Amino acid sequence: MKLIYKILDIDDISGDIYEIIDRFLKNIHDSSIYHHPSWLSAIEKSFNQKGYYLLVRNQKEEITGILPFFTVKSIITGKRIVTLPLSTYCDPLILNGLLQECINFIKKQFPDFNSFDLRTLKNYSNVLNEFSEESEYVTHILNLKESIDDTFNAFHPTSVRASIRRAEKNNLTIKWGETVEELKIFYHLELRLRKRLLIPPLPFKFFFNVWQSLKEFNMIHLPVIIKDNIPIATGFILNFKDTFYLEYTAADKDYFNLYPNHKLFFEVIKKAHQMGAKKIDFGRTSLDNISLITFKEKWAAKKEAIYHYHYPNKPIIKKEQNRLKRVLTNINKHLPDKLFEAEGKILYRHFL
């Protein structure tokens, strides 16, 4: 059967075609929040880079496959095709036998773009023969049990269960944010976390656009943990189909002794249970970060490799990122908060 390939600009996806793509994503097993038009639209609005879908259709014009991607233009990192910026992973929703053909089709439509990156949960090494492969990151997936009690009992007895109980004794409360004020609370704590880690912060505009894009579909949640009217931990939590994503979380280190992160995580897990979710994605972790991997595994979350494929064989962006990281680590130790925030606004559009 002859297949039809078509590339759609994310700006053109509305009305009927939006509904068709949304329905396709909800009915296919491997789709995630990162495939959704609302996610792509938020990234495009935030960084002035272009988002697209490659649609694969059969002769009846029914969608049989989707590959979202961005074209990234940068004076620092060149012209790149990325699946998908700021996304933990984004597997091609395409039959393996068609994947290389689809990639070739995209490359022909954008001949000036000289590199192609994919981040996936599946291993495509037998398919992407021209691509190099790296696996320097993992995610952790918690499969929720039938009841919240059964899920709770699967956690590590001292590191997690006892810490959750201590948080309860410390009279921490949860508020589910619904306004931009809670979003600003999240961003304030996120900035403090990034400054502590000496990592450039994502611009507030990105979080605002994601929140605006997803909130009308109830695909985003802003939990805030409070102690004596003071916000001490917060999260930027996504959900799609049967999965909640702990996309970004941050806590005030001055209150770590009250176990705010344990309270935050467990409240999100309870919310997921209430909404009928089956899984919690704990987010990306570097294989070098043994302590964070251990922390996530004590929540009974199972480690899954994230594969990063590059064409041509050596990733252009990685060399630049490593060089920049060394420089910024020293600079950010002394950078005032306003300049630190501005740094993220300037840099991220080049390193998506």
C-alpha atoms as a PDB file:
ATOM      1  CA  MET A   1       0.000   0.000   0.000  1.00  0.00           C
ATOM      2  CA  LYS A   2       1.349   3.402  -1.001  1.00  0.00           C
ATOM      3  CA  LEU A   3       2.005   5.789   1.881  1.00  0.00           C
ATOM      4  CA  ILE A   4       1.833   9.575   1.746  1.00  0.00           C
ATOM      5  CA  TYR A   5       4.317  11.749   3.651  1.00  0.00           C
ATOM      6  CA  LYS A   6       3.428  15.317   4.566  1.00  0.00           C
ATOM      7  CA  ILE A   7       5.080  17.924   6.777  1.00  0.00           C
ATOM      8  CA  LEU A   8       2.800  20.272   8.713  1.00  0.00           C
ATOM      9  CA  ASP A   9       3.883  23.491  10.416  1.00  0.00           C
ATOM     10  CA  ILE A  10       2.734  23.466  14.052  1.00  0.00           C
ATOM     11  CA  ASP A  11       1.101  26.865  13.417  1.00  0.00           C
ATOM     12  CA  ASP A  12      -1.246  25.210  10.910  1.00  0.00           C
ATOM     13  CA  ILE A  13      -2.490  22.564  13.338  1.00  0.00           C
ATOM     14  CA  SER A  14      -5.909  23.618  14.556  1.00  0.00           C
ATOM     15  CA  GLY A  15      -9.539  22.635  14.206  1.00  0.00           C
ATOM     16  CA  ASP A  16     -10.120  19.265  12.563  1.00  0.00           C
ATOM     17  CA  ILE A  17      -6.453  18.370  12.053  1.00  0.00           C
ATOM     18  CA  TYR A  18      -5.740  19.124  15.730  1.00  0.00           C
ATOM     19  CA  GLU A  19      -8.568  16.805  16.758  1.00  0.00           C
ATOM     20  CA  ILE A  20      -7.332  14.073  14.410  1.00  0.00           C
ATOM     21  CA  ILE A  21      -3.767  14.244  15.767  1.00  0.00           C
ATOM     22  CA  ASP A  22      -4.990  14.402  19.370  1.00  0.00           C
ATOM     23  CA  ARG A  23      -7.171  11.330  18.818  1.00  0.00           C
ATOM     24  CA  PHE A  24      -4.326   9.448  17.108  1.00  0.00           C
ATOM     25  CA  LEU A  25      -1.988  10.189  20.032  1.00  0.00           C
ATOM     26  CA  LYS A  26      -4.526   9.092  22.634  1.00  0.00           C
ATOM     27  CA  ASN A  27      -5.045   5.769  20.873  1.00  0.00           C
ATOM     28  CA  ILE A  28      -1.440   4.732  20.206  1.00  0.00           C
ATOM     29  CA  HIS A  29       0.574   2.974  22.902  1.00  0.00           C
ATOM     30  CA  ASP A  30       3.932   4.757  22.750  1.00  0.00           C
ATOM     31  CA  SER A  31       2.698   8.351  22.579  1.00  0.00           C
ATOM     32  CA  SER A  32       3.615  10.780  25.352  1.00  0.00           C
ATOM     33  CA  ILE A  33       2.928  14.349  26.404  1.00  0.00           C
ATOM     34  CA  TYR A  34       5.961  15.329  24.309  1.00  0.00           C
ATOM     35  CA  HIS A  35       4.179  14.354  21.083  1.00  0.00           C
ATOM     36  CA  HIS A  36       1.207  16.623  21.745  1.00  0.00           C
ATOM     37  CA  PRO A  37       0.603  19.752  19.601  1.00  0.00           C
ATOM     38  CA  SER A  38       0.134  21.870  22.724  1.00  0.00           C
ATOM     39  CA  TRP A  39       3.641  20.942  23.933  1.00  0.00           C
ATOM     40  CA  LEU A  40       5.221  21.741  20.565  1.00  0.00           C
ATOM     41  CA  SER A  41       3.316  25.004  20.330  1.00  0.00           C
ATOM     42  CA  ALA A  42       4.582  26.140  23.742  1.00  0.00           C
ATOM     43  CA  ILE A  43       8.209  25.422  22.802  1.00  0.00           C
ATOM     44  CA  GLU A  44       7.842  27.300  19.514  1.00  0.00           C
ATOM     45  CA  LYS A  45       6.339  30.366  21.204  1.00  0.00           C
ATOM     46  CA  SER A  46       9.085  30.394  23.824  1.00  0.00           C
ATOM     47  CA  PHE A  47      12.222  30.130  21.715  1.00  0.00           C
ATOM     48  CA  ASN A  48      11.400  31.387  18.221  1.00  0.00           C
ATOM     49  CA  GLN A  49      12.292  28.044  16.630  1.00  0.00           C
ATOM     50  CA  LYS A  50       9.996  26.174  14.244  1.00  0.00           C
ATOM     51  CA  GLY A  51       8.030  23.044  15.129  1.00  0.00           C
ATOM     52  CA  TYR A  52       6.626  20.538  12.641  1.00  0.00           C
ATOM     53  CA  TYR A  53       4.948  17.170  12.296  1.00  0.00           C
ATOM     54  CA  LEU A  54       5.792  14.590   9.691  1.00  0.00           C
ATOM     55  CA  LEU A  55       2.511  12.773   9.097  1.00  0.00           C
ATOM     56  CA  VAL A  56       2.375   9.360   7.450  1.00  0.00           C
ATOM     57  CA  ARG A  57      -0.968   8.637   5.796  1.00  0.00           C
ATOM     58  CA  ASN A  58      -2.383   5.663   3.935  1.00  0.00           C
ATOM     59  CA  GLN A  59      -4.374   5.883   0.696  1.00  0.00           C
ATOM     60  CA  LYS A  60      -7.535   6.557   2.704  1.00  0.00           C
ATOM     61  CA  GLU A  61      -5.699   9.604   4.133  1.00  0.00           C
ATOM     62  CA  GLU A  62      -5.808   8.072   7.616  1.00  0.00           C
ATOM     63  CA  ILE A  63      -2.829   8.928   9.828  1.00  0.00           C
ATOM     64  CA  THR A  64      -0.689   5.838  10.432  1.00  0.00           C
ATOM     65  CA  GLY A  65       2.423   7.505  11.849  1.00  0.00           C
ATOM     66  CA  ILE A  66       3.735  10.746  13.349  1.00  0.00           C
ATOM     67  CA  LEU A  67       7.202  12.180  13.898  1.00  0.00           C
ATOM     68  CA  PRO A  68       7.325  15.627  15.579  1.00  0.00           C
ATOM     69  CA  PHE A  69      10.499  17.669  15.151  1.00  0.00           C
ATOM     70  CA  PHE A  70      11.974  21.153  15.357  1.00  0.00           C
ATOM     71  CA  THR A  71      14.324  22.990  13.055  1.00  0.00           C
ATOM     72  CA  VAL A  72      16.783  24.870  15.259  1.00  0.00           C
ATOM     73  CA  LYS A  73      18.806  27.730  13.790  1.00  0.00           C
ATOM     74  CA  SER A  74      21.703  29.049  15.837  1.00  0.00           C
ATOM     75  CA  ILE A  75      24.833  31.071  15.211  1.00  0.00           C
ATOM     76  CA  ILE A  76      26.488  28.915  17.895  1.00  0.00           C
ATOM     77  CA  THR A  77      25.305  25.359  17.167  1.00  0.00           C
ATOM     78  CA  GLY A  78      24.358  25.668  13.494  1.00  0.00           C
ATOM     79  CA  LYS A  79      21.221  24.384  11.795  1.00  0.00           C
ATOM     80  CA  ARG A  80      19.843  21.219  13.390  1.00  0.00           C
ATOM     81  CA  ILE A  81      16.755  19.025  13.263  1.00  0.00           C
ATOM     82  CA  VAL A  82      15.793  17.879  16.770  1.00  0.00           C
ATOM     83  CA  THR A  83      13.230  15.336  17.992  1.00  0.00           C
ATOM     84  CA  LEU A  84      12.438  16.903  20.400  1.00  0.00           C
ATOM     85  CA  PRO A  85      13.795  19.980  22.265  1.00  0.00           C
ATOM     86  CA  LEU A  86      13.274  20.151  26.045  1.00  0.00           C
ATOM     87  CA  SER A  87      11.669  16.710  25.992  1.00  0.00           C
ATOM     88  CA  THR A  88      12.970  13.799  28.028  1.00  0.00           C
ATOM     89  CA  TYR A  89      12.311  11.518  25.055  1.00  0.00           C
ATOM     90  CA  CYS A  90      10.083  11.488  21.987  1.00  0.00           C
ATOM     91  CA  ASP A  91       9.969   8.166  20.168  1.00  0.00           C
ATOM     92  CA  PRO A  92       8.963   8.209  16.491  1.00  0.00           C
ATOM     93  CA  LEU A  93       5.403   6.881  16.257  1.00  0.00           C
ATOM     94  CA  ILE A  94       6.318   5.148  13.034  1.00  0.00           C
ATOM     95  CA  LEU A  95       6.948   1.543  12.058  1.00  0.00           C
ATOM     96  CA  ASN A  96      10.657   0.718  12.326  1.00  0.00           C
ATOM     97  CA  GLY A  97      10.793  -0.273   8.673  1.00  0.00           C
ATOM     98  CA  LEU A  98       9.700   3.225   7.634  1.00  0.00           C
ATOM     99  CA  LEU A  99      11.778   5.294  10.055  1.00  0.00           C
ATOM    100  CA  GLN A 100      14.885   5.794   7.912  1.00  0.00           C
ATOM    101  CA  GLU A 101      12.713   6.636   4.912  1.00  0.00           C
ATOM    102  CA  CYS A 102      10.846   9.231   6.982  1.00  0.00           C
ATOM    103  CA  ILE A 103      14.096  10.778   8.211  1.00  0.00           C
ATOM    104  CA  ASN A 104      15.395  10.942   4.649  1.00  0.00           C
ATOM    105  CA  PHE A 105      12.176  12.675   3.597  1.00  0.00           C
ATOM    106  CA  ILE A 106      12.608  15.316   6.317  1.00  0.00           C
ATOM    107  CA  LYS A 107      16.264  15.863   5.407  1.00  0.00           C
ATOM    108  CA  LYS A 108      15.316  16.440   1.767  1.00  0.00           C
ATOM    109  CA  GLN A 109      12.779  19.092   2.766  1.00  0.00           C
ATOM    110  CA  PHE A 110      15.384  20.892   4.902  1.00  0.00           C
ATOM    111  CA  PRO A 111      18.670  20.434   2.975  1.00  0.00           C
ATOM    112  CA  ASP A 112      20.442  23.279   4.804  1.00  0.00           C
ATOM    113  CA  PHE A 113      20.115  21.533   8.173  1.00  0.00           C
ATOM    114  CA  ASN A 114      23.250  19.463   8.624  1.00  0.00           C
ATOM    115  CA  SER A 115      22.500  17.424  11.749  1.00  0.00           C
ATOM    116  CA  PHE A 116      19.643  15.329  13.130  1.00  0.00           C
ATOM    117  CA  ASP A 117      19.078  14.382  16.797  1.00  0.00           C
ATOM    118  CA  LEU A 118      16.552  11.962  18.303  1.00  0.00           C
ATOM    119  CA  ARG A 119      15.928  11.115  21.973  1.00  0.00           C
ATOM    120  CA  THR A 120      14.042   7.862  22.494  1.00  0.00           C
ATOM    121  CA  LEU A 121      13.084   5.186  25.002  1.00  0.00           C
ATOM    122  CA  LYS A 122      13.299   2.467  22.381  1.00  0.00           C
ATOM    123  CA  ASN A 123      16.600   1.232  21.033  1.00  0.00           C
ATOM    124  CA  TYR A 124      16.819   2.005  17.306  1.00  0.00           C
ATOM    125  CA  SER A 125      20.445   0.998  16.771  1.00  0.00           C
ATOM    126  CA  ASN A 126      19.450  -1.670  14.242  1.00  0.00           C
ATOM    127  CA  VAL A 127      17.420   0.866  12.261  1.00  0.00           C
ATOM    128  CA  LEU A 128      19.409   4.100  12.376  1.00  0.00           C
ATOM    129  CA  ASN A 129      22.604   2.765  10.846  1.00  0.00           C
ATOM    130  CA  GLU A 130      23.964   6.196   9.909  1.00  0.00           C
ATOM    131  CA  PHE A 131      23.455   7.579  13.424  1.00  0.00           C
ATOM    132  CA  SER A 132      25.751   7.364  16.426  1.00  0.00           C
ATOM    133  CA  GLU A 133      24.165   6.247  19.699  1.00  0.00           C
ATOM    134  CA  GLU A 134      24.662   7.419  23.279  1.00  0.00           C
ATOM    135  CA  SER A 135      22.889   6.467  26.479  1.00  0.00           C
ATOM    136  CA  GLU A 136      24.052   8.846  29.193  1.00  0.00           C
ATOM    137  CA  TYR A 137      20.659   9.388  30.819  1.00  0.00           C
ATOM    138  CA  VAL A 138      17.846   7.317  32.261  1.00  0.00           C
ATOM    139  CA  THR A 139      14.301   7.928  33.341  1.00  0.00           C
ATOM    140  CA  HIS A 140      12.454   6.120  36.127  1.00  0.00           C
ATOM    141  CA  ILE A 141       8.905   4.805  35.804  1.00  0.00           C
ATOM    142  CA  LEU A 142       6.724   3.957  38.802  1.00  0.00           C
ATOM    143  CA  ASN A 143       3.896   1.578  37.917  1.00  0.00           C
ATOM    144  CA  LEU A 144       1.018   2.418  40.236  1.00  0.00           C
ATOM    145  CA  LYS A 145      -0.697  -0.434  42.011  1.00  0.00           C
ATOM    146  CA  GLU A 146      -4.435  -1.012  42.464  1.00  0.00           C
ATOM    147  CA  SER A 147      -4.672   1.037  45.657  1.00  0.00           C
ATOM    148  CA  ILE A 148      -2.709   3.935  47.076  1.00  0.00           C
ATOM    149  CA  ASP A 149      -1.904   1.797  50.136  1.00  0.00           C
ATOM    150  CA  ASP A 150      -0.342  -0.901  47.961  1.00  0.00           C
ATOM    151  CA  THR A 151       1.654   1.740  46.103  1.00  0.00           C
ATOM    152  CA  PHE A 152       2.811   3.265  49.410  1.00  0.00           C
ATOM    153  CA  ASN A 153       3.874  -0.120  50.770  1.00  0.00           C
ATOM    154  CA  ALA A 154       6.126  -0.677  47.745  1.00  0.00           C
ATOM    155  CA  PHE A 155       8.282   2.321  48.740  1.00  0.00           C
ATOM    156  CA  HIS A 156      11.487   1.891  50.724  1.00  0.00           C
ATOM    157  CA  PRO A 157      10.435   1.579  54.396  1.00  0.00           C
ATOM    158  CA  THR A 158      12.901   4.050  55.913  1.00  0.00           C
ATOM    159  CA  SER A 159      14.077   6.310  53.084  1.00  0.00           C
ATOM    160  CA  VAL A 160      10.602   6.989  51.692  1.00  0.00           C
ATOM    161  CA  ARG A 161       7.721   5.739  53.849  1.00  0.00           C
ATOM    162  CA  ALA A 162       9.197   7.021  57.104  1.00  0.00           C
ATOM    163  CA  SER A 163      10.089  10.346  55.446  1.00  0.00           C
ATOM    164  CA  ILE A 164       6.513  10.784  54.198  1.00  0.00           C
ATOM    165  CA  ARG A 165       5.252  10.175  57.742  1.00  0.00           C
ATOM    166  CA  ARG A 166       7.735  12.721  59.120  1.00  0.00           C
ATOM    167  CA  ALA A 167       6.522  15.283  56.578  1.00  0.00           C
ATOM    168  CA  GLU A 168       2.963  14.715  57.797  1.00  0.00           C
ATOM    169  CA  LYS A 169       4.041  15.255  61.415  1.00  0.00           C
ATOM    170  CA  ASN A 170       5.662  18.525  60.345  1.00  0.00           C
ATOM    171  CA  ASN A 171       2.227  19.847  59.334  1.00  0.00           C
ATOM    172  CA  LEU A 172       3.085  20.454  55.696  1.00  0.00           C
ATOM    173  CA  THR A 173       0.065  21.186  53.523  1.00  0.00           C
ATOM    174  CA  ILE A 174      -0.593  20.963  49.787  1.00  0.00           C
ATOM    175  CA  LYS A 175      -2.166  23.570  47.535  1.00  0.00           C
ATOM    176  CA  TRP A 176      -2.939  22.824  43.877  1.00  0.00           C
ATOM    177  CA  GLY A 177      -2.197  26.029  42.019  1.00  0.00           C
ATOM    178  CA  GLU A 178      -4.573  27.344  39.386  1.00  0.00           C
ATOM    179  CA  THR A 179      -3.275  30.854  38.731  1.00  0.00           C
ATOM    180  CA  VAL A 180      -0.167  32.572  37.455  1.00  0.00           C
ATOM    181  CA  GLU A 181       0.691  33.417  41.073  1.00  0.00           C
ATOM    182  CA  GLU A 182       1.395  29.744  41.822  1.00  0.00           C
ATOM    183  CA  LEU A 183       3.390  29.561  38.592  1.00  0.00           C
ATOM    184  CA  LYS A 184       5.530  32.451  39.850  1.00  0.00           C
ATOM    185  CA  ILE A 185       6.017  30.629  43.161  1.00  0.00           C
ATOM    186  CA  PHE A 186       7.244  27.604  41.230  1.00  0.00           C
ATOM    187  CA  TYR A 187       9.604  29.710  39.144  1.00  0.00           C
ATOM    188  CA  HIS A 188      11.066  31.459  42.188  1.00  0.00           C
ATOM    189  CA  LEU A 189      12.028  28.113  43.749  1.00  0.00           C
ATOM    190  CA  GLU A 190      13.190  26.761  40.375  1.00  0.00           C
ATOM    191  CA  LEU A 191      15.522  29.757  39.983  1.00  0.00           C
ATOM    192  CA  ARG A 192      16.989  29.159  43.438  1.00  0.00           C
ATOM    193  CA  LEU A 193      17.556  25.492  42.608  1.00  0.00           C
ATOM    194  CA  ARG A 194      19.282  26.327  39.323  1.00  0.00           C
ATOM    195  CA  LYS A 195      21.483  28.907  41.023  1.00  0.00           C
ATOM    196  CA  ARG A 196      22.472  26.366  43.646  1.00  0.00           C
ATOM    197  CA  LEU A 197      23.378  23.874  40.895  1.00  0.00           C
ATOM    198  CA  LEU A 198      25.021  26.610  38.755  1.00  0.00           C
ATOM    199  CA  ILE A 199      22.805  25.634  35.792  1.00  0.00           C
ATOM    200  CA  PRO A 200      21.314  28.402  33.591  1.00  0.00           C
ATOM    201  CA  PRO A 201      17.560  28.681  34.228  1.00  0.00           C
ATOM    202  CA  LEU A 202      14.928  28.193  31.582  1.00  0.00           C
ATOM    203  CA  PRO A 203      13.075  31.467  30.960  1.00  0.00           C
ATOM    204  CA  PHE A 204       9.782  32.097  32.748  1.00  0.00           C
ATOM    205  CA  LYS A 205       8.218  32.546  29.307  1.00  0.00           C
ATOM    206  CA  PHE A 206       8.690  28.828  28.604  1.00  0.00           C
ATOM    207  CA  PHE A 207       6.883  27.710  31.756  1.00  0.00           C
ATOM    208  CA  PHE A 208       4.126  30.267  31.195  1.00  0.00           C
ATOM    209  CA  ASN A 209       3.554  29.110  27.610  1.00  0.00           C
ATOM    210  CA  VAL A 210       3.466  25.424  28.598  1.00  0.00           C
ATOM    211  CA  TRP A 211       1.042  26.219  31.413  1.00  0.00           C
ATOM    212  CA  GLN A 212      -1.167  28.261  29.082  1.00  0.00           C
ATOM    213  CA  SER A 213      -1.128  25.557  26.399  1.00  0.00           C
ATOM    214  CA  LEU A 214      -1.899  22.597  28.667  1.00  0.00           C
ATOM    215  CA  LYS A 215      -4.125  23.910  31.454  1.00  0.00           C
ATOM    216  CA  GLU A 216      -7.334  24.029  29.398  1.00  0.00           C
ATOM    217  CA  PHE A 217      -6.943  20.296  28.759  1.00  0.00           C
ATOM    218  CA  ASN A 218      -6.159  19.536  32.434  1.00  0.00           C
ATOM    219  CA  MET A 219      -2.727  18.248  31.405  1.00  0.00           C
ATOM    220  CA  ILE A 220      -0.680  20.285  33.881  1.00  0.00           C
ATOM    221  CA  HIS A 221      -0.652  20.632  37.681  1.00  0.00           C
ATOM    222  CA  LEU A 222       1.116  23.071  40.009  1.00  0.00           C
ATOM    223  CA  PRO A 223       1.397  21.526  43.485  1.00  0.00           C
ATOM    224  CA  VAL A 224       2.755  23.819  46.193  1.00  0.00           C
ATOM    225  CA  ILE A 225       3.887  22.487  49.583  1.00  0.00           C
ATOM    226  CA  ILE A 226       3.334  25.031  52.355  1.00  0.00           C
ATOM    227  CA  LYS A 227       4.663  25.406  55.894  1.00  0.00           C
ATOM    228  CA  ASP A 228       3.253  28.227  58.031  1.00  0.00           C
ATOM    229  CA  ASN A 229       2.020  30.052  54.897  1.00  0.00           C
ATOM    230  CA  ILE A 230       5.458  29.818  53.270  1.00  0.00           C
ATOM    231  CA  PRO A 231       5.842  27.885  49.973  1.00  0.00           C
ATOM    232  CA  ILE A 232       8.753  25.485  50.504  1.00  0.00           C
ATOM    233  CA  ALA A 233       8.434  23.047  47.589  1.00  0.00           C
ATOM    234  CA  THR A 234       6.656  22.997  44.278  1.00  0.00           C
ATOM    235  CA  GLY A 235       6.321  21.118  41.024  1.00  0.00           C
ATOM    236  CA  PHE A 236       5.551  21.601  37.350  1.00  0.00           C
ATOM    237  CA  ILE A 237       3.738  18.338  36.683  1.00  0.00           C
ATOM    238  CA  LEU A 238       2.422  17.176  33.309  1.00  0.00           C
ATOM    239  CA  ASN A 239      -0.055  14.412  32.573  1.00  0.00           C
ATOM    240  CA  PHE A 240      -1.231  12.701  29.417  1.00  0.00           C
ATOM    241  CA  LYS A 241      -3.231   9.514  28.994  1.00  0.00           C
ATOM    242  CA  ASP A 242      -2.233   7.216  31.873  1.00  0.00           C
ATOM    243  CA  THR A 243       1.028   8.930  32.883  1.00  0.00           C
ATOM    244  CA  PHE A 244       2.015  11.775  35.217  1.00  0.00           C
ATOM    245  CA  TYR A 245       5.388  13.409  34.513  1.00  0.00           C
ATOM    246  CA  LEU A 246       7.449  14.914  37.346  1.00  0.00           C
ATOM    247  CA  GLU A 247       8.825  17.368  34.806  1.00  0.00           C
ATOM    248  CA  TYR A 248      10.323  19.955  37.171  1.00  0.00           C
ATOM    249  CA  THR A 249      10.377  20.035  40.966  1.00  0.00           C
ATOM    250  CA  ALA A 250      12.122  22.395  43.358  1.00  0.00           C
ATOM    251  CA  ALA A 251      12.333  22.853  47.112  1.00  0.00           C
ATOM    252  CA  ASP A 252      13.788  25.426  49.480  1.00  0.00           C
ATOM    253  CA  LYS A 253      16.937  23.857  50.942  1.00  0.00           C
ATOM    254  CA  ASP A 254      16.384  25.729  54.211  1.00  0.00           C
ATOM    255  CA  TYR A 255      13.412  23.409  54.834  1.00  0.00           C
ATOM    256  CA  PHE A 256      14.918  20.097  53.724  1.00  0.00           C
ATOM    257  CA  ASN A 257      14.759  18.861  57.322  1.00  0.00           C
ATOM    258  CA  LEU A 258      10.933  18.910  57.027  1.00  0.00           C
ATOM    259  CA  TYR A 259      10.969  16.476  54.058  1.00  0.00           C
ATOM    260  CA  PRO A 260       9.092  18.731  51.603  1.00  0.00           C
ATOM    261  CA  ASN A 261      10.147  16.711  48.542  1.00  0.00           C
ATOM    262  CA  HIS A 262       8.700  13.522  49.999  1.00  0.00           C
ATOM    263  CA  LYS A 263       5.451  15.335  50.716  1.00  0.00           C
ATOM    264  CA  LEU A 264       5.420  16.781  47.191  1.00  0.00           C
ATOM    265  CA  PHE A 265       6.086  13.486  45.421  1.00  0.00           C
ATOM    266  CA  PHE A 266       3.531  11.551  47.440  1.00  0.00           C
ATOM    267  CA  GLU A 267       0.830  14.182  46.892  1.00  0.00           C
ATOM    268  CA  VAL A 268       1.434  13.956  43.135  1.00  0.00           C
ATOM    269  CA  ILE A 269       1.240  10.164  43.317  1.00  0.00           C
ATOM    270  CA  LYS A 270      -2.057  10.375  45.226  1.00  0.00           C
ATOM    271  CA  LYS A 271      -3.403  12.834  42.645  1.00  0.00           C
ATOM    272  CA  ALA A 272      -2.397  10.463  39.851  1.00  0.00           C
ATOM    273  CA  HIS A 273      -4.230   7.617  41.595  1.00  0.00           C
ATOM    274  CA  GLN A 274      -7.352   9.745  41.944  1.00  0.00           C
ATOM    275  CA  MET A 275      -7.293  10.613  38.238  1.00  0.00           C
ATOM    276  CA  GLY A 276      -6.894   6.988  37.180  1.00  0.00           C
ATOM    277  CA  ALA A 277      -3.273   7.195  36.036  1.00  0.00           C
ATOM    278  CA  LYS A 278      -1.165   4.043  35.836  1.00  0.00           C
ATOM    279  CA  LYS A 279       2.380   5.425  35.779  1.00  0.00           C
ATOM    280  CA  ILE A 280       4.585   8.167  37.184  1.00  0.00           C
ATOM    281  CA  ASP A 281       7.573   9.261  35.104  1.00  0.00           C
ATOM    282  CA  PHE A 282      10.205  10.594  37.520  1.00  0.00           C
ATOM    283  CA  GLY A 283      12.125  12.384  34.774  1.00  0.00           C
ATOM    284  CA  ARG A 284      15.592  12.344  33.289  1.00  0.00           C
ATOM    285  CA  THR A 285      18.698  11.634  35.374  1.00  0.00           C
ATOM    286  CA  SER A 286      22.338  11.529  34.335  1.00  0.00           C
ATOM    287  CA  LEU A 287      24.005   8.156  34.883  1.00  0.00           C
ATOM    288  CA  ASP A 288      26.686  10.085  36.794  1.00  0.00           C
ATOM    289  CA  ASN A 289      24.134  11.216  39.383  1.00  0.00           C
ATOM    290  CA  ILE A 290      24.128   8.072  41.511  1.00  0.00           C
ATOM    291  CA  SER A 291      22.457   9.705  44.514  1.00  0.00           C
ATOM    292  CA  LEU A 292      19.453  10.889  42.485  1.00  0.00           C
ATOM    293  CA  ILE A 293      19.125   7.497  40.787  1.00  0.00           C
ATOM    294  CA  THR A 294      19.132   5.837  44.212  1.00  0.00           C
ATOM    295  CA  PHE A 295      16.524   8.299  45.507  1.00  0.00           C
ATOM    296  CA  LYS A 296      14.156   7.555  42.623  1.00  0.00           C
ATOM    297  CA  GLU A 297      14.621   3.797  42.865  1.00  0.00           C
ATOM    298  CA  LYS A 298      13.621   3.890  46.531  1.00  0.00           C
ATOM    299  CA  TRP A 299      10.198   5.033  45.304  1.00  0.00           C
ATOM    300  CA  ALA A 300       9.945   1.651  43.521  1.00  0.00           C
ATOM    301  CA  ALA A 301      10.501   3.371  40.169  1.00  0.00           C
ATOM    302  CA  LYS A 302      12.229   1.230  37.536  1.00  0.00           C
ATOM    303  CA  LYS A 303      15.143   2.580  35.542  1.00  0.00           C
ATOM    304  CA  GLU A 304      14.797   2.846  31.753  1.00  0.00           C
ATOM    305  CA  ALA A 305      17.551   3.922  29.375  1.00  0.00           C
ATOM    306  CA  ILE A 306      17.153   7.025  27.224  1.00  0.00           C
ATOM    307  CA  TYR A 307      18.869   6.738  23.853  1.00  0.00           C
ATOM    308  CA  HIS A 308      20.264   9.754  22.029  1.00  0.00           C
ATOM    309  CA  TYR A 309      20.903   9.319  18.307  1.00  0.00           C
ATOM    310  CA  HIS A 310      23.006  11.763  16.310  1.00  0.00           C
ATOM    311  CA  TYR A 311      23.553  12.295  12.600  1.00  0.00           C
ATOM    312  CA  PRO A 312      26.270  12.738  11.496  1.00  0.00           C
ATOM    313  CA  ASN A 313      28.172  10.518  13.885  1.00  0.00           C
ATOM    314  CA  LYS A 314      29.452  13.204  16.245  1.00  0.00           C
ATOM    315  CA  PRO A 315      26.881  15.513  17.857  1.00  0.00           C
ATOM    316  CA  ILE A 316      27.694  19.111  17.013  1.00  0.00           C
ATOM    317  CA  ILE A 317      25.921  20.474  20.044  1.00  0.00           C
ATOM    318  CA  LYS A 318      27.581  18.273  22.669  1.00  0.00           C
ATOM    319  CA  LYS A 319      31.071  19.683  22.183  1.00  0.00           C
ATOM    320  CA  GLU A 320      29.722  23.230  22.471  1.00  0.00           C
ATOM    321  CA  GLN A 321      27.611  22.340  25.519  1.00  0.00           C
ATOM    322  CA  ASN A 322      30.544  20.801  27.379  1.00  0.00           C
ATOM    323  CA  ARG A 323      32.775  23.786  26.666  1.00  0.00           C
ATOM    324  CA  LEU A 324      30.058  26.226  27.712  1.00  0.00           C
ATOM    325  CA  LYS A 325      29.259  24.253  30.873  1.00  0.00           C
ATOM    326  CA  ARG A 326      32.839  24.560  32.095  1.00  0.00           C
ATOM    327  CA  VAL A 327      32.830  28.315  31.514  1.00  0.00           C
ATOM    328  CA  LEU A 328      29.393  28.942  33.025  1.00  0.00           C
ATOM    329  CA  THR A 329      30.086  26.908  36.164  1.00  0.00           C
ATOM    330  CA  ASN A 330      32.751  29.429  37.119  1.00  0.00           C
ATOM    331  CA  ILE A 331      30.805  32.500  35.996  1.00  0.00           C
ATOM    332  CA  ASN A 332      27.543  31.515  37.687  1.00  0.00           C
ATOM    333  CA  LYS A 333      29.170  31.291  41.107  1.00  0.00           C
ATOM    334  CA  HIS A 334      29.427  35.079  41.078  1.00  0.00           C
ATOM    335  CA  LEU A 335      26.600  36.183  38.778  1.00  0.00           C
ATOM    336  CA  PRO A 336      23.846  38.391  40.300  1.00  0.00           C
ATOM    337  CA  ASP A 337      20.350  36.910  40.174  1.00  0.00           C
ATOM    338  CA  LYS A 338      19.040  39.209  37.426  1.00  0.00           C
ATOM    339  CA  LEU A 339      21.976  38.464  35.141  1.00  0.00           C
ATOM    340  CA  PHE A 340      21.690  34.766  35.962  1.00  0.00           C
ATOM    341  CA  GLU A 341      18.058  34.785  34.818  1.00  0.00           C
ATOM    342  CA  ALA A 342      18.964  36.756  31.671  1.00  0.00           C
ATOM    343  CA  GLU A 343      21.677  34.208  30.873  1.00  0.00           C
ATOM    344  CA  GLY A 344      19.076  31.477  30.447  1.00  0.00           C
ATOM    345  CA  LYS A 345      16.967  33.650  28.159  1.00  0.00           C
ATOM    346  CA  ILE A 346      19.944  34.224  25.884  1.00  0.00           C
ATOM    347  CA  LEU A 347      21.402  30.717  25.789  1.00  0.00           C
ATOM    348  CA  TYR A 348      18.579  28.197  25.639  1.00  0.00           C
ATOM    349  CA  ARG A 349      17.335  28.973  22.142  1.00  0.00           C
ATOM    350  CA  HIS A 350      20.774  27.923  20.866  1.00  0.00           C
ATOM    351  CA  PHE A 351      20.983  24.657  22.825  1.00  0.00           C
ATOM    352  CA  LEU A 352      17.511  23.176  22.400  1.00  0.00           C
END
